[in-house]
Full PDB file with SEQRES, HELIX, SHEET, SSBOND, CRYST1, ORIGX, SCALE, CONECT and MASTER records, all heavy atoms in Angstrom:
SEQRES   1 A   41  PHE ALA THR ARG LEU ARG LYS VAL LEU THR LYS LYS GLU          
SEQRES   2 A   41  THR THR ILE HIS MET PRO ARG THR GLN TYR THR SER GLU          
SEQRES   3 A   41  SER THR LEU MET LYS ILE ARG ASP PRO ALA ILE GLU TRP          
SEQRES   4 A   41  PRO SER                                                      
HELIX    1 AA1 ALA A    2  THR A   10  1                                   9    
HELIX    2 AA2 GLU A   26  ILE A   32  1                                   7    
CRYST1    1.000    1.000    1.000  90.00  90.00  90.00 P 1           1          
ORIGX1      1.000000  0.000000  0.000000        0.00000                         
ORIGX2      0.000000  1.000000  0.000000        0.00000                         
ORIGX3      0.000000  0.000000  1.000000        0.00000                         
SCALE1      1.000000  0.000000  0.000000        0.00000                         
SCALE2      0.000000  1.000000  0.000000        0.00000                         
SCALE3      0.000000  0.000000  1.000000        0.00000                         
ATOM      1  N   PHE A   1     -58.869 -14.967  45.692  1.00  0.00           N  
ATOM      2  CA  PHE A   1     -59.317 -14.624  44.347  1.00  0.00           C  
ATOM      3  C   PHE A   1     -60.723 -15.154  44.093  1.00  0.00           C  
ATOM      4  O   PHE A   1     -61.544 -14.500  43.441  1.00  0.00           O  
ATOM      5  CB  PHE A   1     -58.330 -15.187  43.328  1.00  0.00           C  
ATOM      6  CG  PHE A   1     -58.587 -14.733  41.916  1.00  0.00           C  
ATOM      7  CD1 PHE A   1     -58.220 -13.459  41.511  1.00  0.00           C  
ATOM      8  CD2 PHE A   1     -59.187 -15.574  40.994  1.00  0.00           C  
ATOM      9  CE1 PHE A   1     -58.454 -13.032  40.201  1.00  0.00           C  
ATOM     10  CE2 PHE A   1     -59.420 -15.163  39.698  1.00  0.00           C  
ATOM     11  CZ  PHE A   1     -59.050 -13.887  39.304  1.00  0.00           C  
ATOM     12  N   ALA A   2     -61.018 -16.342  44.623  1.00  0.00           N  
ATOM     13  CA  ALA A   2     -62.365 -16.898  44.477  1.00  0.00           C  
ATOM     14  C   ALA A   2     -63.402 -16.021  45.171  1.00  0.00           C  
ATOM     15  O   ALA A   2     -64.510 -15.811  44.652  1.00  0.00           O  
ATOM     16  CB  ALA A   2     -62.405 -18.316  45.037  1.00  0.00           C  
ATOM     17  N   THR A   3     -63.043 -15.490  46.336  1.00  0.00           N  
ATOM     18  CA  THR A   3     -63.964 -14.596  47.039  1.00  0.00           C  
ATOM     19  C   THR A   3     -64.189 -13.316  46.250  1.00  0.00           C  
ATOM     20  O   THR A   3     -65.307 -12.795  46.167  1.00  0.00           O  
ATOM     21  CB  THR A   3     -63.413 -14.271  48.436  1.00  0.00           C  
ATOM     22  OG1 THR A   3     -63.262 -15.485  49.173  1.00  0.00           O  
ATOM     23  CG2 THR A   3     -64.356 -13.345  49.194  1.00  0.00           C  
ATOM     24  N   ARG A   4     -63.128 -12.769  45.656  1.00  0.00           N  
ATOM     25  CA  ARG A   4     -63.278 -11.551  44.852  1.00  0.00           C  
ATOM     26  C   ARG A   4     -64.133 -11.815  43.622  1.00  0.00           C  
ATOM     27  O   ARG A   4     -64.923 -10.967  43.199  1.00  0.00           O  
ATOM     28  CB  ARG A   4     -61.901 -11.032  44.426  1.00  0.00           C  
ATOM     29  CG  ARG A   4     -60.982 -10.698  45.589  1.00  0.00           C  
ATOM     30  CD  ARG A   4     -61.698 -10.001  46.711  1.00  0.00           C  
ATOM     31  NE  ARG A   4     -60.796  -9.581  47.766  1.00  0.00           N  
ATOM     32  CZ  ARG A   4     -61.201  -9.152  48.947  1.00  0.00           C  
ATOM     33  NH1 ARG A   4     -62.489  -9.082  49.218  1.00  0.00           N  
ATOM     34  NH2 ARG A   4     -60.327  -8.779  49.855  1.00  0.00           N  
ATOM     35  N   LEU A   5     -63.981 -13.004  43.045  1.00  0.00           N  
ATOM     36  CA  LEU A   5     -64.824 -13.363  41.906  1.00  0.00           C  
ATOM     37  C   LEU A   5     -66.291 -13.420  42.325  1.00  0.00           C  
ATOM     38  O   LEU A   5     -67.168 -12.893  41.618  1.00  0.00           O  
ATOM     39  CB  LEU A   5     -64.373 -14.715  41.344  1.00  0.00           C  
ATOM     40  CG  LEU A   5     -65.276 -15.348  40.282  1.00  0.00           C  
ATOM     41  CD1 LEU A   5     -65.441 -14.436  39.083  1.00  0.00           C  
ATOM     42  CD2 LEU A   5     -64.709 -16.704  39.854  1.00  0.00           C  
ATOM     43  N   ARG A   6     -66.576 -14.023  43.462  1.00  0.00           N  
ATOM     44  CA  ARG A   6     -67.958 -14.071  43.934  1.00  0.00           C  
ATOM     45  C   ARG A   6     -68.480 -12.683  44.245  1.00  0.00           C  
ATOM     46  O   ARG A   6     -69.667 -12.386  44.053  1.00  0.00           O  
ATOM     47  CB  ARG A   6     -68.054 -14.970  45.177  1.00  0.00           C  
ATOM     48  CG  ARG A   6     -67.888 -16.442  44.870  1.00  0.00           C  
ATOM     49  CD  ARG A   6     -68.266 -17.318  46.061  1.00  0.00           C  
ATOM     50  NE  ARG A   6     -67.361 -17.154  47.184  1.00  0.00           N  
ATOM     51  CZ  ARG A   6     -67.694 -16.645  48.353  1.00  0.00           C  
ATOM     52  NH1 ARG A   6     -68.944 -16.218  48.557  1.00  0.00           N  
ATOM     53  NH2 ARG A   6     -66.817 -16.548  49.338  1.00  0.00           N  
ATOM     54  N   LYS A   7     -67.600 -11.809  44.726  1.00  0.00           N  
ATOM     55  CA  LYS A   7     -68.022 -10.437  45.008  1.00  0.00           C  
ATOM     56  C   LYS A   7     -68.465  -9.729  43.726  1.00  0.00           C  
ATOM     57  O   LYS A   7     -69.461  -9.006  43.716  1.00  0.00           O  
ATOM     58  CB  LYS A   7     -66.881  -9.660  45.670  1.00  0.00           C  
ATOM     59  CG  LYS A   7     -67.216  -8.199  45.943  1.00  0.00           C  
ATOM     60  CD  LYS A   7     -66.038  -7.450  46.535  1.00  0.00           C  
ATOM     61  CE  LYS A   7     -65.834  -7.782  47.985  1.00  0.00           C  
ATOM     62  NZ  LYS A   7     -64.836  -6.876  48.631  1.00  0.00           N  
ATOM     63  N   VAL A   8     -67.740  -9.952  42.642  1.00  0.00           N  
ATOM     64  CA  VAL A   8     -68.124  -9.341  41.366  1.00  0.00           C  
ATOM     65  C   VAL A   8     -69.435  -9.939  40.867  1.00  0.00           C  
ATOM     66  O   VAL A   8     -70.322  -9.218  40.392  1.00  0.00           O  
ATOM     67  CB  VAL A   8     -67.002  -9.531  40.324  1.00  0.00           C  
ATOM     68  CG1 VAL A   8     -67.449  -9.008  38.968  1.00  0.00           C  
ATOM     69  CG2 VAL A   8     -65.730  -8.822  40.763  1.00  0.00           C  
ATOM     70  N   LEU A   9     -69.560 -11.264  40.962  1.00  0.00           N  
ATOM     71  CA  LEU A   9     -70.757 -11.911  40.450  1.00  0.00           C  
ATOM     72  C   LEU A   9     -71.998 -11.527  41.246  1.00  0.00           C  
ATOM     73  O   LEU A   9     -73.076 -11.376  40.676  1.00  0.00           O  
ATOM     74  CB  LEU A   9     -70.573 -13.438  40.474  1.00  0.00           C  
ATOM     75  CG  LEU A   9     -69.496 -14.006  39.543  1.00  0.00           C  
ATOM     76  CD1 LEU A   9     -69.349 -15.505  39.747  1.00  0.00           C  
ATOM     77  CD2 LEU A   9     -69.803 -13.697  38.088  1.00  0.00           C  
ATOM     78  N   THR A  10     -71.852 -11.375  42.555  1.00  0.00           N  
ATOM     79  CA  THR A  10     -72.997 -11.007  43.388  1.00  0.00           C  
ATOM     80  C   THR A  10     -73.235  -9.515  43.437  1.00  0.00           C  
ATOM     81  O   THR A  10     -74.306  -9.066  43.855  1.00  0.00           O  
ATOM     82  CB  THR A  10     -72.796 -11.507  44.829  1.00  0.00           C  
ATOM     83  OG1 THR A  10     -71.587 -10.939  45.355  1.00  0.00           O  
ATOM     84  CG2 THR A  10     -72.699 -13.017  44.871  1.00  0.00           C  
ATOM     85  N   LYS A  11     -72.217  -8.713  43.045  1.00  0.00           N  
ATOM     86  CA  LYS A  11     -72.280  -7.258  43.111  1.00  0.00           C  
ATOM     87  C   LYS A  11     -72.525  -6.776  44.543  1.00  0.00           C  
ATOM     88  O   LYS A  11     -73.207  -5.780  44.763  1.00  0.00           O  
ATOM     89  CB  LYS A  11     -73.381  -6.724  42.184  1.00  0.00           C  
ATOM     90  CG  LYS A  11     -73.188  -7.095  40.732  1.00  0.00           C  
ATOM     91  CD  LYS A  11     -74.281  -6.515  39.850  1.00  0.00           C  
ATOM     92  CE  LYS A  11     -74.098  -6.924  38.405  1.00  0.00           C  
ATOM     93  NZ  LYS A  11     -75.156  -6.377  37.529  1.00  0.00           N  
ATOM     94  N   LYS A  12     -71.953  -7.507  45.493  1.00  0.00           N  
ATOM     95  CA  LYS A  12     -72.098  -7.160  46.900  1.00  0.00           C  
ATOM     96  C   LYS A  12     -70.727  -7.011  47.531  1.00  0.00           C  
ATOM     97  O   LYS A  12     -69.913  -7.930  47.488  1.00  0.00           O  
ATOM     98  CB  LYS A  12     -72.900  -8.231  47.651  1.00  0.00           C  
ATOM     99  CG  LYS A  12     -74.351  -8.326  47.253  1.00  0.00           C  
ATOM    100  CD  LYS A  12     -75.065  -9.383  48.078  1.00  0.00           C  
ATOM    101  CE  LYS A  12     -76.539  -9.477  47.693  1.00  0.00           C  
ATOM    102  NZ  LYS A  12     -77.234 -10.527  48.499  1.00  0.00           N  
ATOM    103  N   GLU A  13     -70.502  -5.861  48.107  1.00  0.00           N  
ATOM    104  CA  GLU A  13     -69.218  -5.613  48.766  1.00  0.00           C  
ATOM    105  C   GLU A  13     -69.073  -6.426  50.038  1.00  0.00           C  
ATOM    106  O   GLU A  13     -67.964  -6.628  50.536  1.00  0.00           O  
ATOM    107  CB  GLU A  13     -69.078  -4.118  49.072  1.00  0.00           C  
ATOM    108  CG  GLU A  13     -67.685  -3.707  49.497  1.00  0.00           C  
ATOM    109  CD  GLU A  13     -67.567  -2.207  49.651  1.00  0.00           C  
ATOM    110  OE1 GLU A  13     -68.550  -1.504  49.369  1.00  0.00           O  
ATOM    111  OE2 GLU A  13     -66.503  -1.747  50.065  1.00  0.00           O  
ATOM    112  N   THR A  14     -70.180  -6.917  50.576  1.00  0.00           N  
ATOM    113  CA  THR A  14     -70.147  -7.639  51.852  1.00  0.00           C  
ATOM    114  C   THR A  14     -69.967  -9.137  51.683  1.00  0.00           C  
ATOM    115  O   THR A  14     -70.194  -9.894  52.618  1.00  0.00           O  
ATOM    116  CB  THR A  14     -71.453  -7.376  52.618  1.00  0.00           C  
ATOM    117  OG1 THR A  14     -72.570  -7.756  51.797  1.00  0.00           O  
ATOM    118  CG2 THR A  14     -71.579  -5.907  52.993  1.00  0.00           C  
ATOM    119  N   THR A  15     -69.584  -9.590  50.496  1.00  0.00           N  
ATOM    120  CA  THR A  15     -69.364 -11.018  50.282  1.00  0.00           C  
ATOM    121  C   THR A  15     -68.324 -11.547  51.263  1.00  0.00           C  
ATOM    122  O   THR A  15     -67.245 -10.981  51.405  1.00  0.00           O  
ATOM    123  CB  THR A  15     -68.890 -11.272  48.841  1.00  0.00           C  
ATOM    124  OG1 THR A  15     -69.890 -10.779  47.934  1.00  0.00           O  
ATOM    125  CG2 THR A  15     -68.689 -12.754  48.590  1.00  0.00           C  
ATOM    126  N   ILE A  16     -68.649 -12.634  51.934  1.00  0.00           N  
ATOM    127  CA  ILE A  16     -67.806 -13.166  53.002  1.00  0.00           C  
ATOM    128  C   ILE A  16     -66.822 -14.183  52.443  1.00  0.00           C  
ATOM    129  O   ILE A  16     -67.180 -15.039  51.629  1.00  0.00           O  
ATOM    130  CB  ILE A  16     -68.674 -13.816  54.099  1.00  0.00           C  
ATOM    131  CG1 ILE A  16     -69.661 -12.796  54.666  1.00  0.00           C  
ATOM    132  CG2 ILE A  16     -67.796 -14.373  55.210  1.00  0.00           C  
ATOM    133  CD1 ILE A  16     -69.002 -11.588  55.287  1.00  0.00           C  
ATOM    134  N   HIS A  17     -65.586 -14.071  52.898  1.00  0.00           N  
ATOM    135  CA  HIS A  17     -64.560 -15.057  52.535  1.00  0.00           C  
ATOM    136  C   HIS A  17     -64.834 -16.368  53.261  1.00  0.00           C  
ATOM    137  O   HIS A  17     -65.158 -16.381  54.457  1.00  0.00           O  
ATOM    138  CB  HIS A  17     -63.176 -14.527  52.911  1.00  0.00           C  
ATOM    139  CG  HIS A  17     -62.067 -15.459  52.559  1.00  0.00           C  
ATOM    140  ND1 HIS A  17     -61.661 -15.672  51.263  1.00  0.00           N  
ATOM    141  CD2 HIS A  17     -61.267 -16.237  53.334  1.00  0.00           C  
ATOM    142  CE1 HIS A  17     -60.654 -16.521  51.250  1.00  0.00           C  
ATOM    143  NE2 HIS A  17     -60.404 -16.894  52.505  1.00  0.00           N  
ATOM    144  N   MET A  18     -64.723 -17.477  52.558  1.00  0.00           N  
ATOM    145  CA  MET A  18     -64.989 -18.779  53.160  1.00  0.00           C  
ATOM    146  C   MET A  18     -63.851 -19.160  54.096  1.00  0.00           C  
ATOM    147  O   MET A  18     -62.679 -19.164  53.685  1.00  0.00           O  
ATOM    148  CB  MET A  18     -65.157 -19.840  52.076  1.00  0.00           C  
ATOM    149  CG  MET A  18     -66.379 -19.667  51.218  1.00  0.00           C  
ATOM    150  SD  MET A  18     -66.593 -21.046  50.088  1.00  0.00           S  
ATOM    151  CE  MET A  18     -66.820 -22.402  51.246  1.00  0.00           C  
ATOM    152  N   PRO A  19     -64.131 -19.494  55.327  1.00  0.00           N  
ATOM    153  CA  PRO A  19     -63.066 -19.854  56.268  1.00  0.00           C  
ATOM    154  C   PRO A  19     -62.447 -21.199  55.918  1.00  0.00           C  
ATOM    155  O   PRO A  19     -63.105 -22.083  55.359  1.00  0.00           O  
ATOM    156  CB  PRO A  19     -63.782 -19.911  57.615  1.00  0.00           C  
ATOM    157  CG  PRO A  19     -65.200 -20.242  57.277  1.00  0.00           C  
ATOM    158  CD  PRO A  19     -65.467 -19.555  55.961  1.00  0.00           C  
ATOM    159  N   ARG A  20     -61.174 -21.335  56.231  1.00  0.00           N  
ATOM    160  CA  ARG A  20     -60.476 -22.614  56.022  1.00  0.00           C  
ATOM    161  C   ARG A  20     -60.692 -23.466  57.271  1.00  0.00           C  
ATOM    162  O   ARG A  20     -60.038 -23.285  58.291  1.00  0.00           O  
ATOM    163  CB  ARG A  20     -58.986 -22.381  55.777  1.00  0.00           C  
ATOM    164  CG  ARG A  20     -58.179 -23.669  55.560  1.00  0.00           C  
ATOM    165  CD  ARG A  20     -56.750 -23.350  55.214  1.00  0.00           C  
ATOM    166  NE  ARG A  20     -56.088 -22.618  56.271  1.00  0.00           N  
ATOM    167  CZ  ARG A  20     -55.268 -23.174  57.186  1.00  0.00           C  
ATOM    168  NH1 ARG A  20     -55.040 -24.464  57.147  1.00  0.00           N  
ATOM    169  NH2 ARG A  20     -54.700 -22.447  58.116  1.00  0.00           N  
ATOM    170  N   THR A  21     -61.605 -24.401  57.165  1.00  0.00           N  
ATOM    171  CA  THR A  21     -61.911 -25.292  58.289  1.00  0.00           C  
ATOM    172  C   THR A  21     -61.507 -26.734  58.012  1.00  0.00           C  
ATOM    173  O   THR A  21     -61.502 -27.557  58.925  1.00  0.00           O  
ATOM    174  CB  THR A  21     -63.418 -25.248  58.604  1.00  0.00           C  
ATOM    175  OG1 THR A  21     -64.157 -25.637  57.431  1.00  0.00           O  
ATOM    176  CG2 THR A  21     -63.847 -23.848  59.021  1.00  0.00           C  
ATOM    177  N   GLN A  22     -61.181 -27.038  56.757  1.00  0.00           N  
ATOM    178  CA  GLN A  22     -60.833 -28.412  56.398  1.00  0.00           C  
ATOM    179  C   GLN A  22     -59.326 -28.631  56.564  1.00  0.00           C  
ATOM    180  O   GLN A  22     -58.575 -28.694  55.585  1.00  0.00           O  
ATOM    181  CB  GLN A  22     -61.254 -28.733  54.959  1.00  0.00           C  
ATOM    182  CG  GLN A  22     -62.739 -28.544  54.695  1.00  0.00           C  
ATOM    183  CD  GLN A  22     -63.076 -27.112  54.336  1.00  0.00           C  
ATOM    184  OE1 GLN A  22     -62.211 -26.260  54.261  1.00  0.00           O  
ATOM    185  NE2 GLN A  22     -64.351 -26.850  54.102  1.00  0.00           N  
ATOM    186  N   TYR A  23     -58.883 -28.725  57.792  1.00  0.00           N  
ATOM    187  CA  TYR A  23     -57.490 -29.035  58.080  1.00  0.00           C  
ATOM    188  C   TYR A  23     -57.432 -29.879  59.341  1.00  0.00           C  
ATOM    189  O   TYR A  23     -58.391 -29.915  60.131  1.00  0.00           O  
ATOM    190  CB  TYR A  23     -56.659 -27.759  58.247  1.00  0.00           C  
ATOM    191  CG  TYR A  23     -57.025 -26.918  59.453  1.00  0.00           C  
ATOM    192  CD1 TYR A  23     -56.388 -27.103  60.671  1.00  0.00           C  
ATOM    193  CD2 TYR A  23     -58.006 -25.938  59.363  1.00  0.00           C  
ATOM    194  CE1 TYR A  23     -56.724 -26.341  61.781  1.00  0.00           C  
ATOM    195  CE2 TYR A  23     -58.349 -25.176  60.457  1.00  0.00           C  
ATOM    196  CZ  TYR A  23     -57.711 -25.369  61.667  1.00  0.00           C  
ATOM    197  OH  TYR A  23     -58.057 -24.623  62.756  1.00  0.00           O  
ATOM    198  N   THR A  24     -56.332 -30.579  59.542  1.00  0.00           N  
ATOM    199  CA  THR A  24     -56.174 -31.427  60.714  1.00  0.00           C  
ATOM    200  C   THR A  24     -55.742 -30.574  61.900  1.00  0.00           C  
ATOM    201  O   THR A  24     -54.675 -29.950  61.858  1.00  0.00           O  
ATOM    202  CB  THR A  24     -55.144 -32.527  60.451  1.00  0.00           C  
ATOM    203  OG1 THR A  24     -55.507 -33.239  59.261  1.00  0.00           O  
ATOM    204  CG2 THR A  24     -55.091 -33.501  61.609  1.00  0.00           C  
ATOM    205  N   SER A  25     -56.552 -30.547  62.934  1.00  0.00           N  
ATOM    206  CA  SER A  25     -56.296 -29.692  64.080  1.00  0.00           C  
ATOM    207  C   SER A  25     -55.239 -30.303  64.999  1.00  0.00           C  
ATOM    208  O   SER A  25     -54.911 -31.489  64.910  1.00  0.00           O  
ATOM    209  CB  SER A  25     -57.586 -29.460  64.863  1.00  0.00           C  
ATOM    210  OG  SER A  25     -58.052 -30.685  65.409  1.00  0.00           O  
ATOM    211  N   GLU A  26     -54.741 -29.465  65.914  1.00  0.00           N  
ATOM    212  CA  GLU A  26     -53.758 -29.939  66.879  1.00  0.00           C  
ATOM    213  C   GLU A  26     -54.351 -31.012  67.792  1.00  0.00           C  
ATOM    214  O   GLU A  26     -53.682 -31.995  68.134  1.00  0.00           O  
ATOM    215  CB  GLU A  26     -53.232 -28.778  67.727  1.00  0.00           C  
ATOM    216  CG  GLU A  26     -52.302 -27.822  67.003  1.00  0.00           C  
ATOM    217  CD  GLU A  26     -53.053 -26.808  66.157  1.00  0.00           C  
ATOM    218  OE1 GLU A  26     -54.303 -26.821  66.202  1.00  0.00           O  
ATOM    219  OE2 GLU A  26     -52.395 -26.023  65.444  1.00  0.00           O  
ATOM    220  N   SER A  27     -55.609 -30.851  68.164  1.00  0.00           N  
ATOM    221  CA  SER A  27     -56.232 -31.845  69.045  1.00  0.00           C  
ATOM    222  C   SER A  27     -56.333 -33.201  68.360  1.00  0.00           C  
ATOM    223  O   SER A  27     -56.128 -34.248  68.993  1.00  0.00           O  
ATOM    224  CB  SER A  27     -57.623 -31.362  69.473  1.00  0.00           C  
ATOM    225  OG  SER A  27     -58.455 -31.157  68.341  1.00  0.00           O  
ATOM    226  N   THR A  28     -56.627 -33.185  67.055  1.00  0.00           N  
ATOM    227  CA  THR A  28     -56.676 -34.453  66.317  1.00  0.00           C  
ATOM    228  C   THR A  28     -55.303 -35.099  66.245  1.00  0.00           C  
ATOM    229  O   THR A  28     -55.158 -36.319  66.398  1.00  0.00           O  
ATOM    230  CB  THR A  28     -57.235 -34.221  64.904  1.00  0.00           C  
ATOM    231  OG1 THR A  28     -58.547 -33.672  64.999  1.00  0.00           O  
ATOM    232  CG2 THR A  28     -57.281 -35.512  64.113  1.00  0.00           C  
ATOM    233  N   LEU A  29     -54.289 -34.289  65.993  1.00  0.00           N  
ATOM    234  CA  LEU A  29     -52.936 -34.841  65.919  1.00  0.00           C  
ATOM    235  C   LEU A  29     -52.508 -35.443  67.252  1.00  0.00           C  
ATOM    236  O   LEU A  29     -51.844 -36.486  67.288  1.00  0.00           O  
ATOM    237  CB  LEU A  29     -51.956 -33.740  65.492  1.00  0.00           C  
ATOM    238  CG  LEU A  29     -52.095 -33.225  64.058  1.00  0.00           C  
ATOM    239  CD1 LEU A  29     -51.128 -32.075  63.805  1.00  0.00           C  
ATOM    240  CD2 LEU A  29     -51.853 -34.348  63.056  1.00  0.00           C  
ATOM    241  N   MET A  30     -52.888 -34.814  68.344  1.00  0.00           N  
ATOM    242  CA  MET A  30     -52.509 -35.340  69.650  1.00  0.00           C  
ATOM    243  C   MET A  30     -53.200 -36.673  69.943  1.00  0.00           C  
ATOM    244  O   MET A  30     -52.655 -37.526  70.653  1.00  0.00           O  
ATOM    245  CB  MET A  30     -52.843 -34.324  70.734  1.00  0.00           C  
ATOM    246  CG  MET A  30     -51.923 -33.106  70.746  1.00  0.00           C  
ATOM    247  SD  MET A  30     -50.169 -33.544  71.010  1.00  0.00           S  
ATOM    248  CE  MET A  30     -49.524 -33.417  69.316  1.00  0.00           C  
ATOM    249  N   LYS A  31     -54.395 -36.855  69.389  1.00  0.00           N  
ATOM    250  CA  LYS A  31     -55.098 -38.118  69.605  1.00  0.00           C  
ATOM    251  C   LYS A  31     -54.396 -39.291  68.929  1.00  0.00           C  
ATOM    252  O   LYS A  31     -54.454 -40.418  69.427  1.00  0.00           O  
ATOM    253  CB  LYS A  31     -56.538 -38.002  69.088  1.00  0.00           C  
ATOM    254  CG  LYS A  31     -57.438 -37.109  69.926  1.00  0.00           C  
ATOM    255  CD  LYS A  31     -58.832 -37.044  69.329  1.00  0.00           C  
ATOM    256  CE  LYS A  31     -59.736 -36.107  70.130  1.00  0.00           C  
ATOM    257  NZ  LYS A  31     -61.089 -36.011  69.528  1.00  0.00           N  
ATOM    258  N   ILE A  32     -53.768 -39.032  67.779  1.00  0.00           N  
ATOM    259  CA  ILE A  32     -53.124 -40.125  67.067  1.00  0.00           C  
ATOM    260  C   ILE A  32     -51.643 -40.246  67.417  1.00  0.00           C  
ATOM    261  O   ILE A  32     -50.954 -41.120  66.890  1.00  0.00           O  
ATOM    262  CB  ILE A  32     -53.272 -39.960  65.541  1.00  0.00           C  
ATOM    263  CG1 ILE A  32     -52.544 -38.705  65.061  1.00  0.00           C  
ATOM    264  CG2 ILE A  32     -54.727 -39.903  65.147  1.00  0.00           C  
ATOM    265  CD1 ILE A  32     -52.567 -38.541  63.552  1.00  0.00           C  
ATOM    266  N   ARG A  33     -51.156 -39.372  68.298  1.00  0.00           N  
ATOM    267  CA  ARG A  33     -49.754 -39.461  68.708  1.00  0.00           C  
ATOM    268  C   ARG A  33     -49.538 -40.722  69.520  1.00  0.00           C  
ATOM    269  O   ARG A  33     -50.276 -41.012  70.460  1.00  0.00           O  
ATOM    270  CB  ARG A  33     -49.355 -38.226  69.517  1.00  0.00           C  
ATOM    271  CG  ARG A  33     -47.931 -38.273  70.039  1.00  0.00           C  
ATOM    272  CD  ARG A  33     -47.576 -36.982  70.752  1.00  0.00           C  
ATOM    273  NE  ARG A  33     -46.231 -37.060  71.304  1.00  0.00           N  
ATOM    274  CZ  ARG A  33     -45.948 -37.395  72.553  1.00  0.00           C  
ATOM    275  NH1 ARG A  33     -46.949 -37.665  73.399  1.00  0.00           N  
ATOM    276  NH2 ARG A  33     -44.704 -37.457  72.985  1.00  0.00           N  
ATOM    277  N   ASP A  34     -48.510 -41.458  69.148  1.00  0.00           N  
ATOM    278  CA  ASP A  34     -48.186 -42.708  69.831  1.00  0.00           C  
ATOM    279  C   ASP A  34     -46.688 -42.748  70.098  1.00  0.00           C  
ATOM    280  O   ASP A  34     -45.905 -43.056  69.199  1.00  0.00           O  
ATOM    281  CB  ASP A  34     -48.605 -43.906  68.972  1.00  0.00           C  
ATOM    282  CG  ASP A  34     -48.316 -45.243  69.659  1.00  0.00           C  
ATOM    283  OD1 ASP A  34     -47.990 -45.226  70.860  1.00  0.00           O  
ATOM    284  OD2 ASP A  34     -48.423 -46.283  68.989  1.00  0.00           O  
ATOM    285  N   PRO A  35     -46.258 -42.413  71.320  1.00  0.00           N  
ATOM    286  CA  PRO A  35     -44.816 -42.414  71.616  1.00  0.00           C  
ATOM    287  C   PRO A  35     -44.166 -43.774  71.405  1.00  0.00           C  
ATOM    288  O   PRO A  35     -42.949 -43.853  71.192  1.00  0.00           O  
ATOM    289  CB  PRO A  35     -44.767 -41.991  73.092  1.00  0.00           C  
ATOM    290  CG  PRO A  35     -46.063 -41.288  73.340  1.00  0.00           C  
ATOM    291  CD  PRO A  35     -47.059 -41.967  72.472  1.00  0.00           C  
ATOM    292  N   ALA A  36     -44.972 -44.830  71.448  1.00  0.00           N  
ATOM    293  CA  ALA A  36     -44.420 -46.178  71.278  1.00  0.00           C  
ATOM    294  C   ALA A  36     -44.534 -46.676  69.843  1.00  0.00           C  
ATOM    295  O   ALA A  36     -44.421 -47.886  69.602  1.00  0.00           O  
ATOM    296  CB  ALA A  36     -45.137 -47.139  72.226  1.00  0.00           C  
ATOM    297  N   ILE A  37     -44.763 -45.781  68.906  1.00  0.00           N  
ATOM    298  CA  ILE A  37     -44.909 -46.197  67.511  1.00  0.00           C  
ATOM    299  C   ILE A  37     -43.650 -46.925  67.041  1.00  0.00           C  
ATOM    300  O   ILE A  37     -42.528 -46.541  67.365  1.00  0.00           O  
ATOM    301  CB  ILE A  37     -45.203 -44.984  66.610  1.00  0.00           C  
ATOM    302  CG1 ILE A  37     -45.542 -45.438  65.189  1.00  0.00           C  
ATOM    303  CG2 ILE A  37     -44.045 -44.008  66.604  1.00  0.00           C  
ATOM    304  CD1 ILE A  37     -46.016 -44.301  64.289  1.00  0.00           C  
ATOM    305  N   GLU A  38     -43.836 -47.996  66.311  1.00  0.00           N  
ATOM    306  CA  GLU A  38     -42.717 -48.822  65.864  1.00  0.00           C  
ATOM    307  C   GLU A  38     -42.280 -48.424  64.453  1.00  0.00           C  
ATOM    308  O   GLU A  38     -43.082 -47.952  63.648  1.00  0.00           O  
ATOM    309  CB  GLU A  38     -43.105 -50.295  65.889  1.00  0.00           C  
ATOM    310  CG  GLU A  38     -43.404 -50.833  67.281  1.00  0.00           C  
ATOM    311  CD  GLU A  38     -43.725 -52.313  67.241  1.00  0.00           C  
ATOM    312  OE1 GLU A  38     -43.774 -52.885  66.133  1.00  0.00           O  
ATOM    313  OE2 GLU A  38     -43.932 -52.894  68.326  1.00  0.00           O  
ATOM    314  N   TRP A  39     -41.010 -48.637  64.194  1.00  0.00           N  
ATOM    315  CA  TRP A  39     -40.508 -48.452  62.846  1.00  0.00           C  
ATOM    316  C   TRP A  39     -41.108 -49.534  61.949  1.00  0.00           C  
ATOM    317  O   TRP A  39     -41.370 -50.649  62.400  1.00  0.00           O  
ATOM    318  CB  TRP A  39     -38.985 -48.575  62.828  1.00  0.00           C  
ATOM    319  CG  TRP A  39     -38.246 -47.411  63.419  1.00  0.00           C  
ATOM    320  CD1 TRP A  39     -38.423 -46.872  64.658  1.00  0.00           C  
ATOM    321  CD2 TRP A  39     -37.204 -46.675  62.801  1.00  0.00           C  
ATOM    322  NE1 TRP A  39     -37.557 -45.829  64.863  1.00  0.00           N  
ATOM    323  CE2 TRP A  39     -36.784 -45.684  63.731  1.00  0.00           C  
ATOM    324  CE3 TRP A  39     -36.559 -46.729  61.578  1.00  0.00           C  
ATOM    325  CZ2 TRP A  39     -35.774 -44.779  63.465  1.00  0.00           C  
ATOM    326  CZ3 TRP A  39     -35.553 -45.827  61.298  1.00  0.00           C  
ATOM    327  CH2 TRP A  39     -35.169 -44.850  62.223  1.00  0.00           C  
ATOM    328  N   PRO A  40     -41.317 -49.225  60.678  1.00  0.00           N  
ATOM    329  CA  PRO A  40     -41.782 -50.281  59.765  1.00  0.00           C  
ATOM    330  C   PRO A  40     -40.685 -51.317  59.549  1.00  0.00           C  
ATOM    331  O   PRO A  40     -39.526 -51.093  59.915  1.00  0.00           O  
ATOM    332  CB  PRO A  40     -42.108 -49.524  58.483  1.00  0.00           C  
ATOM    333  CG  PRO A  40     -41.232 -48.321  58.522  1.00  0.00           C  
ATOM    334  CD  PRO A  40     -41.107 -47.947  59.966  1.00  0.00           C  
ATOM    335  N   SER A  41     -41.036 -52.439  58.956  1.00  0.00           N  
ATOM    336  CA  SER A  41     -40.012 -53.423  58.611  1.00  0.00           C  
ATOM    337  C   SER A  41     -39.036 -52.806  57.616  1.00  0.00           C  
ATOM    338  O   SER A  41     -39.365 -51.841  56.914  1.00  0.00           O  
ATOM    339  CB  SER A  41     -40.656 -54.670  58.015  1.00  0.00           C  
ATOM    340  OG  SER A  41     -41.279 -54.361  56.773  1.00  0.00           O  
TER     341      SER A  41                                                      
MASTER        0    0    0    2    0    0    0    6  340    1    0    4          
END                                                                             
């Protein structure tokens, strides 16, 4: 909906949708994986 709003405001049919890049990737998750992680107290 935000992209459609920008399309109306710019009056350009070629308005580009912003990609979702702000997420935790699989490679990042694998880096913090710790099979020996301990239970909390």
